[in-house]
């Protein structure tokens, strides 16, 4: 009995409150295992399940901070390589900033689980999170999308139907199925909290079975889908060569030896020409150099122009040269791919459309330099280009994608929709050392091959360079980082378009709208329920309290 005459009911102990934070953080760490270098793709399903279990039945406010914890635990180890590039402070700011999108996810998941078939709504919520994170701020940061963890899993085949958003949706649905199995387990957290009141053991068992079946169905259907979708090697072929010049330096200092970068690529191209003349390798119809293979503007430096001309004339076929061009103006530059002909010289060009903020250009420069002096290493801002990435003038139309652009759906899709029969990812990973970055990027290139139905060639300054078939398999790759390599391979070229290319961004728009519609539906149903709910009866006063009164 209290002074006010009321007895306060004992507070029900919440078992999950003791480990929800641990489950959320653990889910983020497990998610890292799904990506290279680990590459254990089932971990993505487990990661989704852990976050779903942690936030299940909670208020949105609690779900938000659990989602944020998940995001920090996931992003910090996944992109630790950014610290090699611009220092530890920007790396931490990047991770804690973009973890906010996972906070949105954590707030949304417990709301949508109130609807029928909650796993489907959970999948849409993950697409909503990636939709936002891929676009804002400064063009977004798509690294670590669920889809990119599935480059070597059976689920990758769904990319040909709906692109990365569909694959993310299905992985999240499968992970939510695992969460359902955990929550419905007879001795699971939901039962311990008392949420299984009135539900029989048989119904709980059926829920566990349904959750496990849903999780297994996603990769199983992907495996079945792969048989009719695998394009094989039939049709036209082209022999291509990739030049990896190599560089001994690590970090930003590679730019201090720009002439050596160019010299290495010239030397390896001349070596390829000699091997072709000797008959030890087949003659390619196209040679591909990576991003930054000429850090000296060949249009302003006659010596650099002459070196490239020498290499192109030696091999006798068009060469796609990655070059850093000066301008417009003294404080800007452009990251460009130039298709260089042995007969007519430099021809079609593609300028990188999405320079990396705080890496290739510095927005809010004053603030950025105050936070980290490493921002001052970017002395000239890179200007973004335009167009669709299609280059004509070689043996086949080429879709050029430069470095981080491979993470952005529309940048890759645009050149294929415009007629590209071969995709080239020109990249320079010299600034990231011996980290997982180059392996994560290779997985994205593999994913894009399946999504577009195209051969994808990743040409890297220091590795990894690779030739990837339209089925996502790596046909050839360089052996070591920071070494020189020459890859020559006959590859299929395609003209048809996958359903994902034809649909464009519509699958992502649709699934995002599904998530938003679910939120609206829950709000409407809650308000309607409050209006029709009868008033609660006044609690009966205990007999002993009535006597004392």
Protein backbone atom coordinates (compact mmCIF):
# COMPACT_ATOMS: atom_id res chain seq x y z
CA UNK A 1 0.00 0.00 0.00
CA UNK A 2 1.21 3.47 -0.85
CA UNK A 3 0.50 6.88 0.55
CA UNK A 4 -1.82 7.62 -2.36
CA UNK A 5 -3.88 4.57 -1.69
CA UNK A 6 -2.89 2.83 -4.94
CA UNK A 7 -0.90 -0.34 -5.41
CA UNK A 8 1.68 -0.17 -8.21
CA UNK A 9 1.79 -3.36 -10.29
CA UNK A 10 5.17 -5.05 -10.45
CA UNK A 11 7.05 -4.28 -13.65
CA UNK A 12 7.38 -7.27 -15.95
CA UNK A 13 11.07 -8.13 -16.51
CA UNK A 14 12.09 -7.72 -20.13
CA UNK A 15 14.49 -10.51 -20.99
CA UNK A 16 15.44 -9.06 -24.37
CA UNK A 17 16.34 -5.67 -22.96
CA UNK A 18 19.49 -7.28 -21.58
CA UNK A 19 20.79 -8.47 -24.91
CA UNK A 20 19.03 -6.39 -27.61
CA UNK A 21 21.99 -4.03 -27.94
CA UNK A 22 24.35 -6.98 -28.14
CA UNK A 23 22.18 -8.59 -30.83
CA UNK A 24 22.06 -5.36 -32.86
CA UNK A 25 25.82 -4.78 -32.67
CA UNK A 26 26.47 -8.44 -33.35
CA UNK A 27 24.22 -8.26 -36.38
CA UNK A 28 26.32 -5.44 -37.79
CA UNK A 29 29.55 -7.36 -37.25
CA UNK A 30 28.09 -10.54 -38.75
CA UNK A 31 27.03 -8.51 -41.79
CA UNK A 32 30.67 -7.65 -42.48
CA UNK A 33 31.41 -11.36 -42.88
CA UNK A 34 29.13 -11.48 -45.93
CA UNK A 35 31.43 -9.14 -47.85
CA UNK A 36 34.96 -9.73 -49.16
CA UNK A 37 37.47 -10.49 -47.95
CA UNK A 38 35.40 -12.95 -45.95
CA UNK A 39 32.73 -13.41 -48.60
CA UNK A 40 30.49 -15.76 -46.56
CA UNK A 41 27.24 -14.68 -48.21
CA UNK A 42 24.79 -16.50 -45.83
CA UNK A 43 26.01 -14.13 -43.10
CA UNK A 44 23.88 -11.40 -44.71
CA UNK A 45 20.73 -13.36 -43.86
CA UNK A 46 21.88 -13.87 -40.27
CA UNK A 47 22.76 -10.18 -39.97
CA UNK A 48 19.28 -9.11 -41.04
CA UNK A 49 17.74 -11.65 -38.66
CA UNK A 50 19.70 -10.36 -35.65
CA UNK A 51 18.58 -6.78 -36.22
CA UNK A 52 14.98 -7.89 -36.76
CA UNK A 53 14.95 -9.88 -33.52
CA UNK A 54 16.57 -7.04 -31.58
CA UNK A 55 13.94 -4.46 -32.59
CA UNK A 56 10.90 -6.76 -32.67
CA UNK A 57 8.06 -5.57 -30.44
CA UNK A 58 9.83 -2.37 -29.45
CA UNK A 59 8.90 1.26 -29.79
CA UNK A 60 10.28 3.08 -32.80
CA UNK A 61 12.48 5.25 -30.59
CA UNK A 62 14.18 2.18 -29.11
CA UNK A 63 14.40 0.56 -32.53
CA UNK A 64 16.10 3.68 -33.88
CA UNK A 65 19.01 3.57 -31.46
CA UNK A 66 19.34 -0.20 -31.91
CA UNK A 67 19.44 0.32 -35.68
CA UNK A 68 22.03 3.04 -35.23
CA UNK A 69 24.16 0.69 -33.14
CA UNK A 70 23.84 -1.92 -35.88
CA UNK A 71 24.94 0.62 -38.51
CA UNK A 72 28.02 1.74 -36.60
CA UNK A 73 29.08 -1.86 -35.89
CA UNK A 74 28.60 -2.69 -39.56
CA UNK A 75 30.19 0.31 -41.28
CA UNK A 76 33.26 0.84 -39.11
CA UNK A 77 34.95 -2.48 -39.98
CA UNK A 78 33.47 -2.72 -43.48
CA UNK A 79 34.99 0.53 -44.77
CA UNK A 80 38.00 0.84 -42.48
CA UNK A 81 40.05 1.25 -45.66
CA UNK A 82 38.75 4.82 -45.99
CA UNK A 83 40.99 5.67 -43.05
CA UNK A 84 44.00 4.74 -45.15
CA UNK A 85 42.90 7.36 -47.68
CA UNK A 86 41.89 10.39 -45.62
CA UNK A 87 42.77 9.49 -42.05
CA UNK A 88 40.90 8.04 -39.05
CA UNK A 89 38.78 11.08 -38.20
CA UNK A 90 36.98 11.28 -41.60
CA UNK A 91 36.55 7.49 -41.52
CA UNK A 92 34.75 7.66 -38.17
CA UNK A 93 32.66 10.65 -39.26
CA UNK A 94 31.64 8.80 -42.41
CA UNK A 95 30.52 5.74 -40.46
CA UNK A 96 28.70 7.45 -37.61
CA UNK A 97 27.02 9.76 -40.11
CA UNK A 98 25.71 7.11 -42.49
CA UNK A 99 24.72 4.87 -39.57
CA UNK A 100 21.81 7.28 -39.19
CA UNK A 101 20.13 5.59 -42.15
CA UNK A 102 20.17 2.33 -40.22
CA UNK A 103 18.55 4.19 -37.35
CA UNK A 104 15.68 4.97 -39.72
CA UNK A 105 15.55 1.28 -40.59
CA UNK A 106 15.49 0.30 -36.92
CA UNK A 107 12.61 2.69 -36.26
CA UNK A 108 10.59 1.42 -39.22
CA UNK A 109 10.96 -2.34 -38.72
CA UNK A 110 8.93 -2.68 -35.47
CA UNK A 111 6.15 -0.60 -37.01
CA UNK A 112 5.85 -2.71 -40.16
CA UNK A 113 5.97 -6.01 -38.25
CA UNK A 114 2.41 -5.29 -37.08
CA UNK A 115 1.16 -5.94 -40.62
CA UNK A 116 0.41 -9.37 -42.10
CA UNK A 117 3.38 -11.19 -43.69
CA UNK A 118 5.93 -9.02 -41.82
CA UNK A 119 8.92 -10.47 -43.69
CA UNK A 120 7.77 -8.85 -46.93
CA UNK A 121 7.42 -5.47 -45.26
CA UNK A 122 10.86 -5.90 -43.67
CA UNK A 123 12.36 -6.49 -47.12
CA UNK A 124 10.77 -3.29 -48.39
CA UNK A 125 12.13 -1.40 -45.36
CA UNK A 126 15.69 -2.43 -46.24
CA UNK A 127 15.19 -1.15 -49.78
CA UNK A 128 13.92 2.13 -48.34
CA UNK A 129 17.08 2.44 -46.21
CA UNK A 130 19.33 1.86 -49.23
CA UNK A 131 17.25 4.19 -51.40
CA UNK A 132 17.99 7.02 -48.97
CA UNK A 133 21.61 6.13 -48.23
CA UNK A 134 22.48 5.79 -51.92
CA UNK A 135 21.46 9.37 -52.64
CA UNK A 136 22.05 11.70 -49.70
CA UNK A 137 24.12 13.58 -48.77
CA UNK A 138 26.52 14.52 -51.58
CA UNK A 139 25.23 11.75 -53.83
CA UNK A 140 25.09 9.11 -51.10
CA UNK A 141 27.28 6.17 -50.15
CA UNK A 142 25.99 2.83 -51.56
CA UNK A 143 28.89 0.76 -50.21
CA UNK A 144 27.70 -2.20 -48.14
CA UNK A 145 24.31 -2.76 -49.80
CA UNK A 146 22.93 -6.21 -49.02
CA UNK A 147 22.90 -7.02 -52.74
CA UNK A 148 26.66 -6.57 -53.07
CA UNK A 149 27.25 -9.36 -50.56
CA UNK A 150 25.62 -11.86 -52.94
CA UNK A 151 28.00 -11.64 -55.92
CA UNK A 152 28.87 -15.33 -55.66
CA UNK A 153 25.63 -16.66 -54.19
CA UNK A 154 22.65 -18.14 -56.06
CA UNK A 155 20.65 -15.06 -55.09
CA UNK A 156 22.70 -12.99 -57.55
CA UNK A 157 20.57 -14.28 -60.44
CA UNK A 158 17.65 -12.17 -59.27
CA UNK A 159 19.80 -9.15 -60.23
CA UNK A 160 19.05 -9.85 -63.88
CA UNK A 161 15.34 -9.39 -63.13
CA UNK A 162 15.24 -6.42 -60.77
CA UNK A 163 18.79 -5.27 -60.13
CA UNK A 164 20.34 -4.62 -56.74
CA UNK A 165 17.06 -3.46 -55.09
CA UNK A 166 15.36 -6.80 -55.79
CA UNK A 167 18.33 -8.76 -54.44
CA UNK A 168 18.44 -6.61 -51.30
CA UNK A 169 14.69 -7.12 -50.86
CA UNK A 170 14.96 -10.91 -51.12
CA UNK A 171 17.96 -11.18 -48.78
CA UNK A 172 16.08 -9.09 -46.22
CA UNK A 173 12.94 -11.22 -46.64
CA UNK A 174 15.02 -14.35 -46.05
CA UNK A 175 16.69 -12.79 -43.01
CA UNK A 176 13.32 -11.73 -41.64
CA UNK A 177 12.21 -15.33 -42.08
CA UNK A 178 15.06 -16.45 -39.83
CA UNK A 179 14.00 -13.82 -37.30
CA UNK A 180 10.45 -15.19 -37.39
CA UNK A 181 11.79 -18.67 -36.62
CA UNK A 182 13.71 -17.33 -33.62
CA UNK A 183 10.81 -15.28 -32.29
CA UNK A 184 8.31 -18.12 -32.64
CA UNK A 185 10.60 -20.74 -31.17
CA UNK A 186 8.81 -22.24 -28.12
CA UNK A 187 11.60 -21.22 -25.77
CA UNK A 188 12.63 -18.13 -27.71
CA UNK A 189 12.76 -14.48 -26.59
CA UNK A 190 9.17 -13.73 -27.54
CA UNK A 191 7.86 -16.54 -25.34
CA UNK A 192 10.05 -15.50 -22.43
CA UNK A 193 8.63 -12.00 -22.68
CA UNK A 194 5.15 -13.44 -22.53
CA UNK A 195 4.25 -12.50 -26.10
CA UNK A 196 3.29 -16.10 -26.87
CA UNK A 197 0.34 -16.01 -24.42
CA UNK A 198 -2.57 -17.88 -25.91
CA UNK A 199 -0.50 -19.36 -28.71
CA UNK A 200 -0.16 -23.11 -28.64
CA UNK A 201 3.03 -25.04 -29.13
CA UNK A 202 1.76 -26.33 -32.45
CA UNK A 203 1.23 -22.83 -33.79
CA UNK A 204 4.68 -21.79 -32.60
CA UNK A 205 6.22 -24.81 -34.32
CA UNK A 206 4.46 -23.92 -37.55
CA UNK A 207 5.83 -20.39 -37.27
CA UNK A 208 9.38 -21.68 -36.84
CA UNK A 209 9.00 -23.98 -39.83
CA UNK A 210 7.56 -21.19 -41.98
CA UNK A 211 10.41 -18.84 -41.07
CA UNK A 212 13.11 -21.38 -41.88
CA UNK A 213 11.36 -22.35 -45.13
CA UNK A 214 11.22 -18.69 -46.18
CA UNK A 215 14.93 -18.20 -45.49
CA UNK A 216 15.87 -21.31 -47.48
CA UNK A 217 13.51 -20.53 -50.36
CA UNK A 218 15.40 -17.38 -51.38
CA UNK A 219 18.74 -19.02 -52.34
CA UNK A 220 16.96 -22.15 -53.58
CA UNK A 221 14.85 -20.22 -56.08
CA UNK A 222 17.96 -18.26 -57.05
CA UNK A 223 19.71 -21.53 -57.84
CA UNK A 224 16.79 -22.68 -59.99
CA UNK A 225 16.64 -19.29 -61.69
CA UNK A 226 20.31 -19.49 -62.67
CA UNK A 227 19.80 -22.33 -65.12
CA UNK A 228 17.61 -20.48 -67.64
CA UNK A 229 19.28 -17.09 -67.05
CA UNK A 230 22.92 -18.18 -67.46
CA UNK A 231 23.87 -16.63 -70.84
CA UNK A 232 26.82 -18.97 -71.47
CA UNK A 233 29.55 -18.19 -73.98
CA UNK A 234 27.57 -18.43 -77.21
CA UNK A 235 27.47 -15.62 -79.74
CA UNK A 236 30.06 -13.04 -80.80
CA UNK A 237 33.42 -12.97 -79.05
CA UNK A 238 36.14 -10.36 -78.69
CA UNK A 239 39.69 -10.83 -77.47
CA UNK A 240 40.61 -8.10 -75.02
CA UNK A 241 43.71 -7.30 -72.99
CA UNK A 242 44.02 -5.60 -69.60
CA UNK A 243 47.20 -3.80 -68.58
CA UNK A 244 47.98 -3.47 -64.87
CA UNK A 245 51.08 -1.32 -64.66
CA UNK A 246 51.67 -1.76 -60.96
CA UNK A 247 53.17 0.66 -58.47
CA UNK A 248 55.29 0.10 -55.37
CA UNK A 249 53.89 3.01 -53.37
CA UNK A 250 50.90 2.89 -51.00
CA UNK A 251 48.60 5.77 -50.16
CA UNK A 252 48.23 9.26 -51.53
CA UNK A 253 51.93 9.46 -52.30
CA UNK A 254 51.41 7.52 -55.54
CA UNK A 255 50.61 10.87 -57.23
CA UNK A 256 54.15 12.05 -56.54
CA UNK A 257 55.42 9.48 -59.04
CA UNK A 258 52.95 10.11 -61.85
CA UNK A 259 55.51 9.60 -64.61
CA UNK A 260 56.33 6.19 -63.20
CA UNK A 261 52.63 5.23 -63.33
CA UNK A 262 52.47 6.11 -67.02
CA UNK A 263 55.84 4.51 -67.78
CA UNK A 264 54.74 1.24 -66.18
CA UNK A 265 51.64 1.03 -68.34
CA UNK A 266 53.55 1.93 -71.48
CA UNK A 267 56.16 -0.70 -70.67
CA UNK A 268 53.60 -3.45 -70.13
CA UNK A 269 51.73 -2.52 -73.32
CA UNK A 270 54.93 -2.68 -75.37
CA UNK A 271 55.63 -6.04 -73.76
CA UNK A 272 52.16 -7.25 -74.79
CA UNK A 273 52.84 -6.13 -78.36
CA UNK A 274 56.08 -8.13 -78.39
CA UNK A 275 54.28 -11.24 -77.10
CA UNK A 276 51.61 -10.86 -79.78
CA UNK A 277 54.30 -10.66 -82.50
CA UNK A 278 56.00 -13.71 -81.03
CA UNK A 279 52.72 -15.62 -81.15
CA UNK A 280 52.69 -16.43 -77.43
CA UNK A 281 49.39 -14.60 -76.83
CA UNK A 282 46.49 -13.94 -79.22
CA UNK A 283 46.15 -10.50 -80.75
CA UNK A 284 43.54 -8.46 -78.85
CA UNK A 285 41.07 -6.16 -80.54
CA UNK A 286 41.05 -3.79 -77.57
CA UNK A 287 43.49 -2.93 -74.78
CA UNK A 288 42.29 -1.48 -71.48
CA UNK A 289 44.28 0.71 -69.10
CA UNK A 290 42.99 1.61 -65.62
CA UNK A 291 41.98 4.86 -64.02
CA UNK A 292 44.89 7.28 -63.46
CA UNK A 293 47.19 5.27 -65.72
CA UNK A 294 48.35 8.68 -66.91
CA UNK A 295 48.42 11.15 -64.02
CA UNK A 296 49.97 13.67 -66.37
CA UNK A 297 47.56 15.42 -68.72
CA UNK A 298 48.69 14.18 -72.15
CA UNK A 299 47.07 17.16 -73.86
CA UNK A 300 49.26 19.55 -71.84
CA UNK A 301 52.38 17.41 -71.61
CA UNK A 302 53.96 16.52 -74.95
CA UNK A 303 56.15 13.84 -73.43
CA UNK A 304 53.18 12.03 -71.92
CA UNK A 305 51.30 12.27 -75.23
CA UNK A 306 54.27 10.78 -77.07
CA UNK A 307 54.56 7.90 -74.58
CA UNK A 308 50.92 6.96 -75.01
CA UNK A 309 51.21 7.22 -78.79
CA UNK A 310 54.22 4.90 -78.70
CA UNK A 311 52.34 2.27 -76.71
CA UNK A 312 49.20 2.46 -78.87
CA UNK A 313 51.17 2.23 -82.10
CA UNK A 314 53.15 -0.72 -80.75
CA UNK A 315 50.06 -2.79 -79.97
CA UNK A 316 48.21 -1.58 -83.06
CA UNK A 317 44.67 -1.57 -81.61
CA UNK A 318 42.53 0.97 -79.71
CA UNK A 319 43.57 1.53 -76.10
CA UNK A 320 41.26 2.90 -73.41
CA UNK A 321 43.51 5.24 -71.43
CA UNK A 322 42.63 6.54 -67.97
CA UNK A 323 43.94 10.08 -67.55
CA UNK A 324 43.68 13.04 -65.21
CA UNK A 325 43.06 16.15 -67.30
CA UNK A 326 43.64 19.71 -66.13
CA UNK A 327 40.81 22.22 -65.92
CA UNK A 328 38.47 23.82 -66.37
CA UNK A 329 40.53 26.53 -64.72
CA UNK A 330 43.62 26.18 -62.52
CA UNK A 331 41.80 24.77 -59.48
CA UNK A 332 39.91 21.94 -61.15
CA UNK A 333 40.59 18.69 -62.96
CA UNK A 334 38.71 15.82 -64.62
CA UNK A 335 38.97 12.05 -64.34
CA UNK A 336 38.64 10.80 -67.90
CA UNK A 337 38.71 7.65 -70.01
CA UNK A 338 40.05 8.29 -73.54
CA UNK A 339 39.66 5.79 -76.38
CA UNK A 340 42.98 6.17 -78.19
CA UNK A 341 43.21 4.93 -81.79
CA UNK A 342 46.48 3.79 -83.40
CA UNK A 343 45.48 5.64 -86.59
CA UNK A 344 43.57 8.74 -85.50
CA UNK A 345 44.88 9.29 -81.98
CA UNK A 346 42.71 10.31 -79.02
CA UNK A 347 39.01 10.01 -79.74
CA UNK A 348 35.88 9.49 -77.64
CA UNK A 349 36.12 10.54 -74.00
CA UNK A 350 34.15 9.86 -70.86
CA UNK A 351 34.54 12.07 -67.77
CA UNK A 352 33.68 10.54 -64.42
CA UNK A 353 30.18 11.71 -63.54
CA UNK A 354 30.31 11.09 -59.80
CA UNK A 355 33.57 12.28 -58.22
CA UNK A 356 34.02 11.07 -54.65
CA UNK A 357 33.23 13.80 -52.10
CA UNK A 358 36.09 14.55 -49.69
CA UNK A 359 38.31 12.30 -51.84
CA UNK A 360 38.27 13.81 -55.33
CA UNK A 361 36.63 17.06 -54.37
CA UNK A 362 36.00 18.68 -50.99
CA UNK A 363 32.57 20.16 -50.28
CA UNK A 364 32.44 22.48 -47.27
CA UNK A 365 36.21 22.78 -47.61
CA UNK A 366 36.75 25.11 -44.68
CA UNK A 367 34.92 22.83 -42.28
CA UNK A 368 36.54 19.70 -43.72
CA UNK A 369 40.06 21.09 -43.34
CA UNK A 370 39.29 22.18 -39.78
CA UNK A 371 38.16 18.64 -38.91
CA UNK A 372 41.08 16.91 -40.63
CA UNK A 373 44.21 18.31 -42.22
CA UNK A 374 44.14 15.33 -44.63
CA UNK A 375 41.46 17.19 -46.60
CA UNK A 376 44.18 19.61 -47.68
CA UNK A 377 45.78 16.84 -49.76
CA UNK A 378 42.97 17.35 -52.30
CA UNK A 379 44.39 20.55 -53.73
CA UNK A 380 42.22 20.68 -56.86
CA UNK A 381 38.56 19.73 -56.97
CA UNK A 382 37.46 17.24 -59.59
CA UNK A 383 34.62 18.31 -61.87
CA UNK A 384 31.94 15.76 -62.76
CA UNK A 385 31.20 14.90 -66.37
CA UNK A 386 27.99 14.24 -68.24
CA UNK A 387 26.55 11.75 -70.69
CA UNK A 388 25.86 8.04 -70.37
CA UNK A 389 29.34 6.52 -70.32
CA UNK A 390 29.10 5.05 -73.84
CA UNK A 391 32.29 5.15 -75.92
CA UNK A 392 32.30 4.32 -79.61
CA UNK A 393 35.32 3.89 -81.86
CA UNK A 394 36.56 0.50 -80.71
CA UNK A 395 35.63 -2.98 -81.93
CA UNK A 396 32.38 -2.78 -79.92
CA UNK A 397 30.60 0.00 -78.03
CA UNK A 398 32.07 0.27 -74.53
CA UNK A 399 30.40 1.32 -71.30
CA UNK A 400 32.99 3.11 -69.17
CA UNK A 401 32.57 3.12 -65.38
CA UNK A 402 35.27 4.79 -63.31
CA UNK A 403 36.10 3.42 -59.85
CA UNK A 404 33.39 4.03 -57.22
CA UNK A 405 30.78 4.60 -59.93
CA UNK A 406 30.33 0.83 -60.05
CA UNK A 407 28.35 1.14 -56.79
CA UNK A 408 25.67 3.38 -58.36
CA UNK A 409 22.90 1.60 -60.26
CA UNK A 410 22.01 4.36 -62.70
CA UNK A 411 25.59 5.08 -63.73
CA UNK A 412 26.21 1.46 -64.72
CA UNK A 413 22.79 0.95 -66.27
CA UNK A 414 22.88 4.08 -68.44
CA UNK A 415 25.68 2.95 -70.74
CA UNK A 416 24.15 -0.50 -71.25
CA UNK A 417 20.77 1.06 -72.05
CA UNK A 418 22.59 3.30 -74.56
CA UNK A 419 24.05 0.29 -76.38
CA UNK A 420 27.25 -0.76 -74.59
CA UNK A 421 28.18 -4.38 -75.37
CA UNK A 422 31.09 -4.50 -72.93
CA UNK A 423 31.48 -2.85 -69.51
CA UNK A 424 34.84 -1.58 -68.29
CA UNK A 425 35.48 -0.54 -64.67
CA UNK A 426 38.60 1.62 -64.65
CA UNK A 427 39.90 1.93 -61.11
CA UNK A 428 42.92 2.97 -59.10
CA UNK A 429 43.12 1.26 -55.72
CA UNK A 430 46.66 2.36 -54.94
CA UNK A 431 45.43 4.69 -52.21
CA UNK A 432 43.85 1.90 -50.14
CA UNK A 433 46.81 -0.36 -49.56
CA UNK A 434 46.35 -4.08 -48.91
CA UNK A 435 42.80 -3.67 -47.60
CA UNK A 436 39.47 -5.26 -48.48
CA UNK A 437 38.44 -2.31 -50.68
CA UNK A 438 39.67 -3.77 -53.95
CA UNK A 439 38.02 -7.13 -53.21
CA UNK A 440 34.72 -5.45 -52.33
CA UNK A 441 34.87 -3.51 -55.57
CA UNK A 442 35.56 -6.69 -57.53
CA UNK A 443 32.42 -8.23 -56.01
CA UNK A 444 30.41 -5.24 -57.24
CA UNK A 445 31.81 -5.73 -60.74
CA UNK A 446 30.78 -9.39 -60.59
CA UNK A 447 27.31 -8.38 -59.51
CA UNK A 448 27.01 -5.84 -62.34
CA UNK A 449 27.91 -8.53 -64.88
CA UNK A 450 24.86 -10.60 -63.89
CA UNK A 451 22.63 -7.57 -63.56
CA UNK A 452 23.41 -6.28 -67.07
CA UNK A 453 24.19 -9.57 -68.83
CA UNK A 454 27.53 -8.14 -69.95
CA UNK A 455 31.17 -9.10 -69.70
CA UNK A 456 32.71 -6.74 -67.16
CA UNK A 457 36.41 -5.94 -67.15
CA UNK A 458 37.97 -4.39 -64.05
CA UNK A 459 41.21 -2.66 -64.95
CA UNK A 460 43.14 -1.57 -61.85
CA UNK A 461 46.40 0.36 -61.55
CA UNK A 462 47.77 -1.85 -58.79
CA UNK A 463 45.14 -4.64 -58.71
CA UNK A 464 42.95 -6.45 -58.61
CA UNK A 465 42.37 -6.51 -62.36
CA UNK A 466 39.89 -9.10 -63.57
CA UNK A 467 37.86 -10.27 -66.55
CA UNK A 468 34.35 -11.31 -65.51
CA UNK A 469 31.90 -13.27 -67.63
CA UNK A 470 28.21 -12.35 -67.97
CA UNK A 471 27.42 -15.01 -65.36
CA UNK A 472 29.51 -13.18 -62.76
CA UNK A 473 32.35 -15.69 -62.75
CA UNK A 474 35.92 -14.42 -62.78
CA UNK A 475 37.56 -15.70 -65.97
CA UNK A 476 40.99 -14.22 -65.27
CA UNK A 477 42.50 -11.97 -62.61
CA UNK A 478 45.84 -10.53 -61.61
CA UNK A 479 47.66 -12.39 -58.89
CA UNK A 480 48.98 -9.79 -56.48
CA UNK A 481 48.40 -6.23 -55.43
CA UNK A 482 51.05 -3.64 -56.29
CA UNK A 483 52.44 -5.72 -59.14
CA UNK A 484 52.31 -5.57 -62.93
CA UNK A 485 50.11 -7.94 -64.93
CA UNK A 486 48.75 -8.57 -68.41
CA UNK A 487 45.44 -10.35 -68.90
CA UNK A 488 44.32 -11.55 -72.33
CA UNK A 489 41.00 -13.32 -72.75
CA UNK A 490 38.35 -14.02 -75.38
CA UNK A 491 35.02 -12.86 -73.97
CA UNK A 492 31.40 -12.84 -75.13
CA UNK A 493 29.85 -9.51 -76.10
CA UNK A 494 26.13 -8.96 -75.83
CA UNK A 495 23.51 -6.71 -77.41
CA UNK A 496 20.35 -7.85 -75.60
CA UNK A 497 19.12 -6.23 -72.42
CA UNK A 498 18.21 -7.96 -69.17
CA UNK A 499 14.85 -7.23 -67.59
CA UNK A 500 16.70 -5.25 -64.90
CA UNK A 501 18.16 -2.88 -67.50
CA UNK A 502 14.78 -2.44 -69.20
CA UNK A 503 12.96 -1.75 -65.92
CA UNK A 504 15.60 0.69 -64.72
CA UNK A 505 14.92 2.17 -61.30
CA UNK A 506 11.25 1.10 -61.17
CA UNK A 507 11.80 -1.95 -58.90
CA UNK A 508 13.51 0.29 -56.36
CA UNK A 509 10.80 2.95 -56.59
CA UNK A 510 8.06 0.33 -56.19
CA UNK A 511 9.62 -1.40 -53.17
CA UNK A 512 10.34 1.95 -51.52
CA UNK A 513 6.71 2.97 -52.01
CA UNK A 514 5.62 -0.35 -50.51
CA UNK A 515 7.54 0.46 -47.32
CA UNK A 516 6.09 3.96 -47.16
CA UNK A 517 2.58 2.65 -47.82
CA UNK A 518 3.01 0.15 -44.99
CA UNK A 519 3.91 2.94 -42.58
CA UNK A 520 0.88 4.95 -43.63
CA UNK A 521 -1.35 1.89 -43.27
CA UNK A 522 -0.17 1.23 -39.70
CA UNK A 523 -0.77 4.86 -38.74
CA UNK A 524 -4.30 4.79 -40.20
CA UNK A 525 -5.14 1.50 -38.50
CA UNK A 526 -3.81 2.74 -35.15
CA UNK A 527 -5.91 5.90 -35.30
CA UNK A 528 -8.99 3.96 -36.32
CA UNK A 529 -8.42 1.50 -33.48
CA UNK A 530 -8.13 4.29 -30.92
CA UNK A 531 -11.42 5.82 -32.06
CA UNK A 532 -13.34 2.54 -31.82
CA UNK A 533 -11.70 1.21 -28.66
CA UNK A 534 -14.10 1.27 -25.66
CA UNK A 535 -12.90 3.09 -22.54
CA UNK A 536 -11.00 0.93 -20.14
CA UNK A 537 -12.95 0.03 -16.97
CA UNK A 538 -11.78 1.56 -13.74
CA UNK A 539 -9.58 -0.88 -11.79
CA UNK A 540 -11.19 -2.51 -8.81
CA UNK A 541 -9.86 -1.36 -5.48
CA UNK A 542 -8.31 -4.20 -3.49
CA UNK A 543 -10.27 -5.19 -0.40
CA UNK A 544 -7.42 -4.48 2.01
CA UNK A 545 -6.98 -1.04 0.50
CA UNK A 546 -10.70 -0.28 0.86
CA UNK A 547 -10.49 -1.20 4.54
CA UNK A 548 -7.48 1.02 5.11
CA UNK A 549 -9.23 3.85 3.35
